[in-house]
PDB file of N, CA and C in Angstrom:
ATOM      1  N   MET A   1     -52.690 -35.324 -15.984  1.00  0.00           N
ATOM      2  CA  MET A   1     -51.274 -34.556 -17.256  1.00  0.00           C
ATOM      3  C   MET A   1     -49.996 -34.064 -16.519  1.00  0.00           C
ATOM      4  N   ASN A   2     -49.179 -33.699 -16.513  1.00  0.00           N
ATOM      5  CA  ASN A   2     -47.602 -33.309 -15.970  1.00  0.00           C
ATOM      6  C   ASN A   2     -47.200 -32.819 -17.416  1.00  0.00           C
ATOM      7  N   ARG A   3     -47.507 -31.820 -17.963  1.00  0.00           N
ATOM      8  CA  ARG A   3     -46.482 -31.751 -19.386  1.00  0.00           C
ATOM      9  C   ARG A   3     -46.143 -30.466 -18.939  1.00  0.00           C
ATOM     10  N   LEU A   4     -45.274 -29.548 -19.455  1.00  0.00           N
ATOM     11  CA  LEU A   4     -45.057 -27.955 -19.213  1.00  0.00           C
ATOM     12  C   LEU A   4     -44.072 -27.834 -20.152  1.00  0.00           C
ATOM     13  N   VAL A   5     -44.601 -26.886 -21.177  1.00  0.00           N
ATOM     14  CA  VAL A   5     -43.779 -26.190 -22.148  1.00  0.00           C
ATOM     15  C   VAL A   5     -43.477 -24.584 -21.993  1.00  0.00           C
ATOM     16  N   LEU A   6     -42.163 -24.361 -22.039  1.00  0.00           N
ATOM     17  CA  LEU A   6     -42.130 -23.074 -21.440  1.00  0.00           C
ATOM     18  C   LEU A   6     -40.831 -22.159 -22.837  1.00  0.00           C
ATOM     19  N   ALA A   7     -41.075 -21.226 -22.634  1.00  0.00           N
ATOM     20  CA  ALA A   7     -39.956 -20.644 -24.213  1.00  0.00           C
ATOM     21  C   ALA A   7     -39.301 -19.683 -22.988  1.00  0.00           C
ATOM     22  N   ALA A   8     -37.979 -20.215 -22.798  1.00  0.00           N
ATOM     23  CA  ALA A   8     -37.085 -19.577 -21.999  1.00  0.00           C
ATOM     24  C   ALA A   8     -35.487 -19.200 -22.361  1.00  0.00           C
ATOM     25  N   GLN A   9     -34.982 -18.946 -21.423  1.00  0.00           N
ATOM     26  CA  GLN A   9     -33.780 -18.144 -21.900  1.00  0.00           C
ATOM     27  C   GLN A   9     -32.359 -19.607 -21.329  1.00  0.00           C
ATOM     28  N   LEU A  10     -31.461 -19.603 -20.728  1.00  0.00           N
ATOM     29  CA  LEU A  10     -30.634 -20.254 -20.048  1.00  0.00           C
ATOM     30  C   LEU A  10     -30.045 -19.379 -19.665  1.00  0.00           C
ATOM     31  N   VAL A  11     -29.711 -19.079 -18.048  1.00  0.00           N
ATOM     32  CA  VAL A  11     -29.347 -18.114 -17.536  1.00  0.00           C
ATOM     33  C   VAL A  11     -28.075 -18.649 -16.694  1.00  0.00           C
ATOM     34  N   GLU A  12     -27.872 -20.063 -16.112  1.00  0.00           N
ATOM     35  CA  GLU A  12     -27.327 -20.951 -15.480  1.00  0.00           C
ATOM     36  C   GLU A  12     -26.917 -22.279 -15.289  1.00  0.00           C
ATOM     37  N   ARG A  13     -25.802 -22.370 -15.414  1.00  0.00           N
ATOM     38  CA  ARG A  13     -25.568 -24.253 -15.774  1.00  0.00           C
ATOM     39  C   ARG A  13     -24.111 -24.755 -14.902  1.00  0.00           C
ATOM     40  N   ARG A  14     -24.673 -25.792 -14.341  1.00  0.00           N
ATOM     41  CA  ARG A  14     -23.920 -26.437 -13.343  1.00  0.00           C
ATOM     42  C   ARG A  14     -23.191 -27.081 -13.978  1.00  0.00           C
ATOM     43  N   ALA A  15     -21.967 -27.749 -13.370  1.00  0.00           N
ATOM     44  CA  ALA A  15     -21.382 -28.833 -14.134  1.00  0.00           C
ATOM     45  C   ALA A  15     -21.920 -30.261 -13.821  1.00  0.00           C
ATOM     46  N   LEU A  16     -21.765 -30.798 -15.526  1.00  0.00           N
ATOM     47  CA  LEU A  16     -22.145 -32.036 -15.360  1.00  0.00           C
ATOM     48  C   LEU A  16     -22.073 -32.992 -14.416  1.00  0.00           C
ATOM     49  N   ARG A  17     -23.047 -33.899 -14.067  1.00  0.00           N
ATOM     50  CA  ARG A  17     -22.705 -34.684 -13.032  1.00  0.00           C
ATOM     51  C   ARG A  17     -23.559 -36.217 -13.553  1.00  0.00           C
ATOM     52  N   TYR A  18     -23.167 -36.842 -12.522  1.00  0.00           N
ATOM     53  CA  TYR A  18     -23.463 -38.292 -12.744  1.00  0.00           C
ATOM     54  C   TYR A  18     -24.415 -38.982 -11.568  1.00  0.00           C
ATOM     55  N   THR A  19     -25.646 -39.660 -12.285  1.00  0.00           N
ATOM     56  CA  THR A  19     -26.817 -40.360 -10.868  1.00  0.00           C
ATOM     57  C   THR A  19     -26.103 -41.708 -10.546  1.00  0.00           C
ATOM     58  N   PRO A  20     -26.490 -41.729  -9.391  1.00  0.00           N
ATOM     59  CA  PRO A  20     -26.573 -43.180  -8.645  1.00  0.00           C
ATOM     60  C   PRO A  20     -26.296 -44.368 -10.420  1.00  0.00           C
ATOM     61  N   ALA A  21     -27.083 -44.451 -10.923  1.00  0.00           N
ATOM     62  CA  ALA A  21     -27.270 -45.219 -11.953  1.00  0.00           C
ATOM     63  C   ALA A  21     -26.136 -45.313 -12.979  1.00  0.00           C
ATOM     64  N   GLY A  22     -25.642 -44.051 -12.830  1.00  0.00           N
ATOM     65  CA  GLY A  22     -24.475 -43.706 -14.119  1.00  0.00           C
ATOM     66  C   GLY A  22     -24.960 -43.100 -14.993  1.00  0.00           C
ATOM     67  N   LEU A  23     -26.141 -41.808 -14.913  1.00  0.00           N
ATOM     68  CA  LEU A  23     -26.880 -41.253 -16.225  1.00  0.00           C
ATOM     69  C   LEU A  23     -26.546 -40.282 -16.008  1.00  0.00           C
ATOM     70  N   PRO A  24     -25.802 -39.448 -16.978  1.00  0.00           N
ATOM     71  CA  PRO A  24     -25.378 -38.243 -16.929  1.00  0.00           C
ATOM     72  C   PRO A  24     -26.708 -37.192 -16.266  1.00  0.00           C
ATOM     73  N   ALA A  25     -26.209 -36.102 -15.480  1.00  0.00           N
ATOM     74  CA  ALA A  25     -27.218 -35.047 -14.787  1.00  0.00           C
ATOM     75  C   ALA A  25     -27.080 -33.797 -14.752  1.00  0.00           C
ATOM     76  N   LEU A  26     -27.558 -32.731 -15.540  1.00  0.00           N
ATOM     77  CA  LEU A  26     -27.322 -31.688 -15.925  1.00  0.00           C
ATOM     78  C   LEU A  26     -28.611 -30.623 -14.997  1.00  0.00           C
ATOM     79  N   ASP A  27     -27.665 -30.386 -13.821  1.00  0.00           N
ATOM     80  CA  ASP A  27     -28.614 -29.033 -13.691  1.00  0.00           C
ATOM     81  C   ASP A  27     -28.480 -27.281 -14.075  1.00  0.00           C
ATOM     82  N   PHE A  28     -29.550 -26.860 -14.036  1.00  0.00           N
ATOM     83  CA  PHE A  28     -29.366 -25.590 -14.814  1.00  0.00           C
ATOM     84  C   PHE A  28     -30.489 -24.326 -14.313  1.00  0.00           C
ATOM     85  N   GLU A  29     -30.613 -23.544 -14.686  1.00  0.00           N
ATOM     86  CA  GLU A  29     -31.413 -22.245 -14.327  1.00  0.00           C
ATOM     87  C   GLU A  29     -32.062 -22.275 -15.660  1.00  0.00           C
ATOM     88  N   LEU A  30     -33.435 -21.669 -15.663  1.00  0.00           N
ATOM     89  CA  LEU A  30     -34.011 -21.150 -17.049  1.00  0.00           C
ATOM     90  C   LEU A  30     -34.809 -19.700 -16.582  1.00  0.00           C
ATOM     91  N   ALA A  31     -34.889 -18.977 -17.255  1.00  0.00           N
ATOM     92  CA  ALA A  31     -35.644 -17.620 -17.143  1.00  0.00           C
ATOM     93  C   ALA A  31     -36.465 -17.278 -17.970  1.00  0.00           C
ATOM     94  N   HIS A  32     -37.820 -17.061 -17.869  1.00  0.00           N
ATOM     95  CA  HIS A  32     -39.004 -16.475 -19.327  1.00  0.00           C
ATOM     96  C   HIS A  32     -39.591 -14.970 -18.659  1.00  0.00           C
ATOM     97  N   GLU A  33     -39.624 -14.388 -19.614  1.00  0.00           N
ATOM     98  CA  GLU A  33     -40.505 -13.341 -19.473  1.00  0.00           C
ATOM     99  C   GLU A  33     -41.239 -13.395 -20.698  1.00  0.00           C
ATOM    100  N   SER A  34     -42.727 -12.817 -20.272  1.00  0.00           N
ATOM    101  CA  SER A  34     -43.652 -12.310 -21.745  1.00  0.00           C
ATOM    102  C   SER A  34     -44.926 -11.805 -21.186  1.00  0.00           C
ATOM    103  N   GLU A  35     -45.421 -11.304 -21.631  1.00  0.00           N
ATOM    104  CA  GLU A  35     -46.620 -10.529 -21.405  1.00  0.00           C
ATOM    105  C   GLU A  35     -47.820 -11.008 -21.812  1.00  0.00           C
ATOM    106  N   LEU A  36     -48.806 -11.555 -20.614  1.00  0.00           N
ATOM    107  CA  LEU A  36     -49.564 -12.488 -21.284  1.00  0.00           C
ATOM    108  C   LEU A  36     -51.420 -11.196 -20.722  1.00  0.00           C
ATOM    109  N   HIS A  37     -53.114 -11.620 -21.316  1.00  0.00           N
ATOM    110  CA  HIS A  37     -53.323 -11.308 -20.570  1.00  0.00           C
ATOM    111  C   HIS A  37     -54.092 -11.882 -19.711  1.00  0.00           C
ATOM    112  N   GLU A  38     -54.580 -11.476 -19.134  1.00  0.00           N
ATOM    113  CA  GLU A  38     -55.489 -12.394 -17.528  1.00  0.00           C
ATOM    114  C   GLU A  38     -56.939 -11.414 -17.493  1.00  0.00           C
ATOM    115  N   ASP A  39     -58.020 -11.922 -17.484  1.00  0.00           N
ATOM    116  CA  ASP A  39     -59.018 -11.389 -17.147  1.00  0.00           C
ATOM    117  C   ASP A  39     -58.916 -10.004 -17.754  1.00  0.00           C
ATOM    118  N   GLY A  40     -58.606 -10.045 -19.343  1.00  0.00           N
ATOM    119  CA  GLY A  40     -58.814  -9.069 -19.665  1.00  0.00           C
ATOM    120  C   GLY A  40     -57.554  -7.899 -19.929  1.00  0.00           C
ATOM    121  N   GLN A  41     -57.130  -8.140 -18.788  1.00  0.00           N
ATOM    122  CA  GLN A  41     -55.440  -7.457 -18.364  1.00  0.00           C
ATOM    123  C   GLN A  41     -54.461  -7.683 -19.097  1.00  0.00           C
ATOM    124  N   LEU A  42     -53.593  -6.836 -19.326  1.00  0.00           N
ATOM    125  CA  LEU A  42     -52.386  -6.935 -19.481  1.00  0.00           C
ATOM    126  C   LEU A  42     -51.335  -7.247 -18.641  1.00  0.00           C
ATOM    127  N   ARG A  43     -50.570  -8.628 -18.490  1.00  0.00           N
ATOM    128  CA  ARG A  43     -50.090  -8.842 -17.331  1.00  0.00           C
ATOM    129  C   ARG A  43     -48.511  -9.104 -17.808  1.00  0.00           C
ATOM    130  N   LYS A  44     -47.464  -8.783 -17.148  1.00  0.00           N
ATOM    131  CA  LYS A  44     -45.617  -8.871 -17.102  1.00  0.00           C
ATOM    132  C   LYS A  44     -45.436 -10.226 -16.508  1.00  0.00           C
ATOM    133  N   VAL A  45     -44.946 -10.952 -16.886  1.00  0.00           N
ATOM    134  CA  VAL A  45     -45.098 -12.124 -16.125  1.00  0.00           C
ATOM    135  C   VAL A  45     -43.165 -12.366 -16.337  1.00  0.00           C
ATOM    136  N   ARG A  46     -42.614 -12.720 -14.702  1.00  0.00           N
ATOM    137  CA  ARG A  46     -41.245 -12.804 -14.893  1.00  0.00           C
ATOM    138  C   ARG A  46     -41.373 -13.696 -14.446  1.00  0.00           C
ATOM    139  N   LEU A  47     -40.124 -14.797 -14.263  1.00  0.00           N
ATOM    140  CA  LEU A  47     -40.027 -16.282 -13.634  1.00  0.00           C
ATOM    141  C   LEU A  47     -38.433 -16.597 -13.850  1.00  0.00           C
ATOM    142  N   GLN A  48     -37.796 -16.973 -13.056  1.00  0.00           N
ATOM    143  CA  GLN A  48     -36.569 -17.633 -13.182  1.00  0.00           C
ATOM    144  C   GLN A  48     -36.869 -18.967 -11.833  1.00  0.00           C
ATOM    145  N   MET A  49     -36.734 -20.108 -13.031  1.00  0.00           N
ATOM    146  CA  MET A  49     -37.102 -22.022 -12.367  1.00  0.00           C
ATOM    147  C   MET A  49     -35.947 -22.733 -12.724  1.00  0.00           C
ATOM    148  N   ARG A  50     -35.334 -23.283 -11.110  1.00  0.00           N
ATOM    149  CA  ARG A  50     -34.555 -24.688 -11.862  1.00  0.00           C
ATOM    150  C   ARG A  50     -34.905 -25.694 -12.339  1.00  0.00           C
ATOM    151  N   ALA A  51     -34.357 -26.365 -13.000  1.00  0.00           N
ATOM    152  CA  ALA A  51     -34.280 -27.242 -13.767  1.00  0.00           C
ATOM    153  C   ALA A  51     -33.454 -28.481 -13.745  1.00  0.00           C
ATOM    154  N   ILE A  52     -33.418 -29.701 -14.233  1.00  0.00           N
ATOM    155  CA  ILE A  52     -32.347 -30.809 -14.753  1.00  0.00           C
ATOM    156  C   ILE A  52     -32.660 -31.423 -15.611  1.00  0.00           C
ATOM    157  N   ALA A  53     -31.992 -31.830 -16.256  1.00  0.00           N
ATOM    158  CA  ALA A  53     -31.895 -33.161 -17.622  1.00  0.00           C
ATOM    159  C   ALA A  53     -30.981 -34.084 -17.214  1.00  0.00           C
ATOM    160  N   ILE A  54     -31.946 -35.137 -17.554  1.00  0.00           N
ATOM    161  CA  ILE A  54     -30.934 -36.390 -17.202  1.00  0.00           C
ATOM    162  C   ILE A  54     -31.057 -37.448 -18.513  1.00  0.00           C
ATOM    163  N   GLY A  55     -29.543 -37.887 -19.000  1.00  0.00           N
ATOM    164  CA  GLY A  55     -29.361 -38.911 -20.037  1.00  0.00           C
ATOM    165  C   GLY A  55     -29.280 -38.091 -21.265  1.00  0.00           C
ATOM    166  N   ARG A  56     -29.397 -38.568 -22.169  1.00  0.00           N
ATOM    167  CA  ARG A  56     -28.822 -37.879 -23.325  1.00  0.00           C
ATOM    168  C   ARG A  56     -29.182 -36.407 -23.795  1.00  0.00           C
ATOM    169  N   ILE A  57     -30.426 -35.675 -23.922  1.00  0.00           N
ATOM    170  CA  ILE A  57     -30.286 -34.738 -23.608  1.00  0.00           C
ATOM    171  C   ILE A  57     -29.296 -33.596 -22.833  1.00  0.00           C
ATOM    172  N   THR A  58     -28.679 -34.176 -22.208  1.00  0.00           N
ATOM    173  CA  THR A  58     -27.822 -33.173 -21.226  1.00  0.00           C
ATOM    174  C   THR A  58     -26.757 -32.905 -22.737  1.00  0.00           C
ATOM    175  N   GLN A  59     -26.315 -33.883 -23.270  1.00  0.00           N
ATOM    176  CA  GLN A  59     -24.700 -33.233 -24.487  1.00  0.00           C
ATOM    177  C   GLN A  59     -25.729 -32.071 -25.284  1.00  0.00           C
ATOM    178  N   ASP A  60     -27.253 -32.111 -25.552  1.00  0.00           N
ATOM    179  CA  ASP A  60     -27.351 -31.046 -26.573  1.00  0.00           C
ATOM    180  C   ASP A  60     -27.383 -29.298 -25.296  1.00  0.00           C
ATOM    181  N   LEU A  61     -28.226 -29.381 -24.057  1.00  0.00           N
ATOM    182  CA  LEU A  61     -27.980 -28.532 -23.335  1.00  0.00           C
ATOM    183  C   LEU A  61     -26.830 -27.897 -22.782  1.00  0.00           C
ATOM    184  N   GLY A  62     -26.025 -29.311 -22.103  1.00  0.00           N
ATOM    185  CA  GLY A  62     -24.371 -28.522 -21.705  1.00  0.00           C
ATOM    186  C   GLY A  62     -23.829 -27.283 -23.219  1.00  0.00           C
ATOM    187  N   ALA A  63     -24.253 -28.003 -24.385  1.00  0.00           N
ATOM    188  CA  ALA A  63     -23.269 -27.418 -25.598  1.00  0.00           C
ATOM    189  C   ALA A  63     -24.107 -26.296 -25.673  1.00  0.00           C
ATOM    190  N   LEU A  64     -25.590 -25.755 -25.384  1.00  0.00           N
ATOM    191  CA  LEU A  64     -25.363 -24.824 -25.400  1.00  0.00           C
ATOM    192  C   LEU A  64     -25.297 -23.238 -24.530  1.00  0.00           C
ATOM    193  N   ALA A  65     -24.984 -22.381 -25.149  1.00  0.00           N
ATOM    194  CA  ALA A  65     -24.586 -21.118 -24.925  1.00  0.00           C
ATOM    195  C   ALA A  65     -25.321 -20.564 -23.825  1.00  0.00           C
ATOM    196  N   LEU A  66     -24.909 -20.112 -22.431  1.00  0.00           N
ATOM    197  CA  LEU A  66     -25.557 -19.302 -21.860  1.00  0.00           C
ATOM    198  C   LEU A  66     -25.814 -18.024 -22.221  1.00  0.00           C
ATOM    199  N   GLY A  67     -27.646 -17.333 -21.664  1.00  0.00           N
ATOM    200  CA  GLY A  67     -28.077 -16.424 -22.903  1.00  0.00           C
ATOM    201  C   GLY A  67     -28.906 -17.407 -23.579  1.00  0.00           C
ATOM    202  N   ALA A  68     -28.837 -18.571 -24.023  1.00  0.00           N
ATOM    203  CA  ALA A  68     -29.561 -18.488 -25.834  1.00  0.00           C
ATOM    204  C   ALA A  68     -30.629 -18.984 -24.943  1.00  0.00           C
ATOM    205  N   SER A  69     -32.029 -18.745 -25.853  1.00  0.00           N
ATOM    206  CA  SER A  69     -33.221 -19.654 -25.549  1.00  0.00           C
ATOM    207  C   SER A  69     -33.853 -20.459 -26.637  1.00  0.00           C
ATOM    208  N   GLY A  70     -34.963 -21.116 -25.946  1.00  0.00           N
ATOM    209  CA  GLY A  70     -35.684 -22.085 -26.496  1.00  0.00           C
ATOM    210  C   GLY A  70     -36.918 -22.654 -26.049  1.00  0.00           C
ATOM    211  N   SER A  71     -37.334 -23.690 -26.171  1.00  0.00           N
ATOM    212  CA  SER A  71     -38.586 -23.872 -26.387  1.00  0.00           C
ATOM    213  C   SER A  71     -37.961 -25.326 -25.433  1.00  0.00           C
ATOM    214  N   PHE A  72     -38.122 -25.430 -24.044  1.00  0.00           N
ATOM    215  CA  PHE A  72     -38.346 -26.302 -23.162  1.00  0.00           C
ATOM    216  C   PHE A  72     -39.290 -27.203 -22.663  1.00  0.00           C
ATOM    217  N   GLY A  73     -39.457 -28.644 -23.121  1.00  0.00           N
ATOM    218  CA  GLY A  73     -40.151 -29.557 -22.405  1.00  0.00           C
ATOM    219  C   GLY A  73     -40.250 -30.083 -21.999  1.00  0.00           C
ATOM    220  N   GLY A  74     -40.992 -30.601 -20.600  1.00  0.00           N
ATOM    221  CA  GLY A  74     -40.557 -31.691 -19.632  1.00  0.00           C
ATOM    222  C   GLY A  74     -41.999 -31.672 -18.994  1.00  0.00           C
ATOM    223  N   PHE A  75     -41.653 -32.308 -17.462  1.00  0.00           N
ATOM    224  CA  PHE A  75     -42.915 -32.345 -16.774  1.00  0.00           C
ATOM    225  C   PHE A  75     -41.960 -31.498 -14.628  1.00  0.00           C
ATOM    226  N   LEU A  76     -42.958 -31.141 -14.301  1.00  0.00           N
ATOM    227  CA  LEU A  76     -43.063 -30.535 -12.640  1.00  0.00           C
ATOM    228  C   LEU A  76     -42.605 -32.160 -11.724  1.00  0.00           C
ATOM    229  N   ALA A  77     -42.216 -32.014 -10.664  1.00  0.00           N
ATOM    230  CA  ALA A  77     -41.442 -32.590  -9.268  1.00  0.00           C
ATOM    231  C   ALA A  77     -41.180 -31.991  -8.485  1.00  0.00           C
ATOM    232  N   GLN A  78     -41.445 -32.431  -7.207  1.00  0.00           N
ATOM    233  CA  GLN A  78     -41.300 -31.762  -6.002  1.00  0.00           C
ATOM    234  C   GLN A  78     -39.184 -31.630  -6.274  1.00  0.00           C
ATOM    235  N   ALA A  79     -39.069 -30.766  -5.830  1.00  0.00           N
ATOM    236  CA  ALA A  79     -37.097 -30.473  -5.642  1.00  0.00           C
ATOM    237  C   ALA A  79     -36.929 -31.830  -4.708  1.00  0.00           C
ATOM    238  N   ARG A  80     -35.990 -32.846  -4.582  1.00  0.00           N
ATOM    239  CA  ARG A  80     -35.835 -34.033  -4.042  1.00  0.00           C
ATOM    240  C   ARG A  80     -35.227 -33.717  -2.085  1.00  0.00           C
ATOM    241  N   ASN A  81     -35.139 -32.230  -2.144  1.00  0.00           N
ATOM    242  CA  ASN A  81     -35.197 -31.776  -0.846  1.00  0.00           C
ATOM    243  C   ASN A  81     -36.597 -31.142  -0.471  1.00  0.00           C
ATOM    244  N   GLY A  82     -37.418 -31.447  -0.533  1.00  0.00           N
ATOM    245  CA  GLY A  82     -38.816 -30.975  -0.718  1.00  0.00           C
ATOM    246  C   GLY A  82     -39.248 -29.679  -0.880  1.00  0.00           C
ATOM    247  N   ARG A  83     -38.201 -29.069  -0.951  1.00  0.00           N
ATOM    248  CA  ARG A  83     -38.187 -27.313  -1.290  1.00  0.00           C
ATOM    249  C   ARG A  83     -38.842 -27.135  -2.779  1.00  0.00           C
ATOM    250  N   GLY A  84     -39.688 -26.940  -3.539  1.00  0.00           N
ATOM    251  CA  GLY A  84     -40.567 -26.156  -4.307  1.00  0.00           C
ATOM    252  C   GLY A  84     -40.528 -26.743  -5.135  1.00  0.00           C
ATOM    253  N   LEU A  85     -40.182 -27.091  -6.444  1.00  0.00           N
ATOM    254  CA  LEU A  85     -40.660 -27.954  -7.558  1.00  0.00           C
ATOM    255  C   LEU A  85     -39.275 -27.535  -8.678  1.00  0.00           C
ATOM    256  N   LEU A  86     -38.959 -28.855  -9.094  1.00  0.00           N
ATOM    257  CA  LEU A  86     -37.966 -28.832 -10.344  1.00  0.00           C
ATOM    258  C   LEU A  86     -38.406 -28.930 -11.796  1.00  0.00           C
ATOM    259  N   PHE A  87     -38.144 -28.527 -12.498  1.00  0.00           N
ATOM    260  CA  PHE A  87     -38.733 -28.495 -14.020  1.00  0.00           C
ATOM    261  C   PHE A  87     -37.710 -29.412 -14.518  1.00  0.00           C
ATOM    262  N   HIS A  88     -38.316 -31.106 -14.834  1.00  0.00           N
ATOM    263  CA  HIS A  88     -37.587 -31.993 -15.658  1.00  0.00           C
ATOM    264  C   HIS A  88     -37.508 -31.976 -16.997  1.00  0.00           C
ATOM    265  N   VAL A  89     -36.562 -31.476 -17.773  1.00  0.00           N
ATOM    266  CA  VAL A  89     -35.901 -31.266 -19.492  1.00  0.00           C
ATOM    267  C   VAL A  89     -36.216 -32.237 -19.889  1.00  0.00           C
ATOM    268  N   THR A  90     -37.206 -32.906 -20.888  1.00  0.00           N
ATOM    269  CA  THR A  90     -37.024 -34.373 -21.311  1.00  0.00           C
ATOM    270  C   THR A  90     -37.074 -33.765 -23.076  1.00  0.00           C
ATOM    271  N   ASP A  91     -37.332 -32.314 -23.604  1.00  0.00           N
ATOM    272  CA  ASP A  91     -37.124 -32.030 -25.019  1.00  0.00           C
ATOM    273  C   ASP A  91     -37.238 -30.481 -24.717  1.00  0.00           C
ATOM    274  N   PHE A  92     -35.876 -30.542 -26.299  1.00  0.00           N
ATOM    275  CA  PHE A  92     -35.511 -29.094 -26.406  1.00  0.00           C
ATOM    276  C   PHE A  92     -35.120 -28.770 -27.668  1.00  0.00           C
ATOM    277  N   GLU A  93     -36.202 -27.759 -27.963  1.00  0.00           N
ATOM    278  CA  GLU A  93     -35.716 -26.818 -29.631  1.00  0.00           C
ATOM    279  C   GLU A  93     -35.452 -25.479 -29.322  1.00  0.00           C
ATOM    280  N   PRO A  94     -33.909 -25.306 -30.174  1.00  0.00           N
ATOM    281  CA  PRO A  94     -33.326 -23.456 -29.857  1.00  0.00           C
ATOM    282  C   PRO A  94     -34.494 -22.813 -30.771  1.00  0.00           C
ATOM    283  N   ALA A  95     -34.241 -21.668 -30.173  1.00  0.00           N
ATOM    284  CA  ALA A  95     -35.006 -20.430 -31.007  1.00  0.00           C
ATOM    285  C   ALA A  95     -34.647 -20.620 -32.488  1.00  0.00           C
ATOM    286  N   SER A  96     -35.905 -20.189 -33.281  1.00  0.00           N
ATOM    287  CA  SER A  96     -35.357 -19.854 -34.438  1.00  0.00           C
ATOM    288  C   SER A  96     -34.849 -18.468 -34.459  1.00  0.00           C
ATOM    289  N   ASP A  97     -33.541 -17.804 -35.337  1.00  0.00           N
ATOM    290  CA  ASP A  97     -33.107 -16.591 -35.013  1.00  0.00           C
ATOM    291  C   ASP A  97     -33.897 -15.683 -36.499  1.00  0.00           C
TER     292      ASP A  97
END
């Protein structure tokens, strides 16, 4: 199974574009920071990752303010250029304040 759910913050968003099939696509960057236990030790985890949303979800993510947090769900795939991984976001739930 290839499923990722990440609590993260929207830190960058590019302009809305369209795929060759005519679907809206939105490229963006997410940042995550947390403290987790690994082998009995507390570990501080920080990461920033590239993400993409395709289809109807681009409306919600396009309206999301930079710096806003939430739960991003989807799957990982190799980036089109073959360099690294790309998080394909298929669902989103804003953080409750």
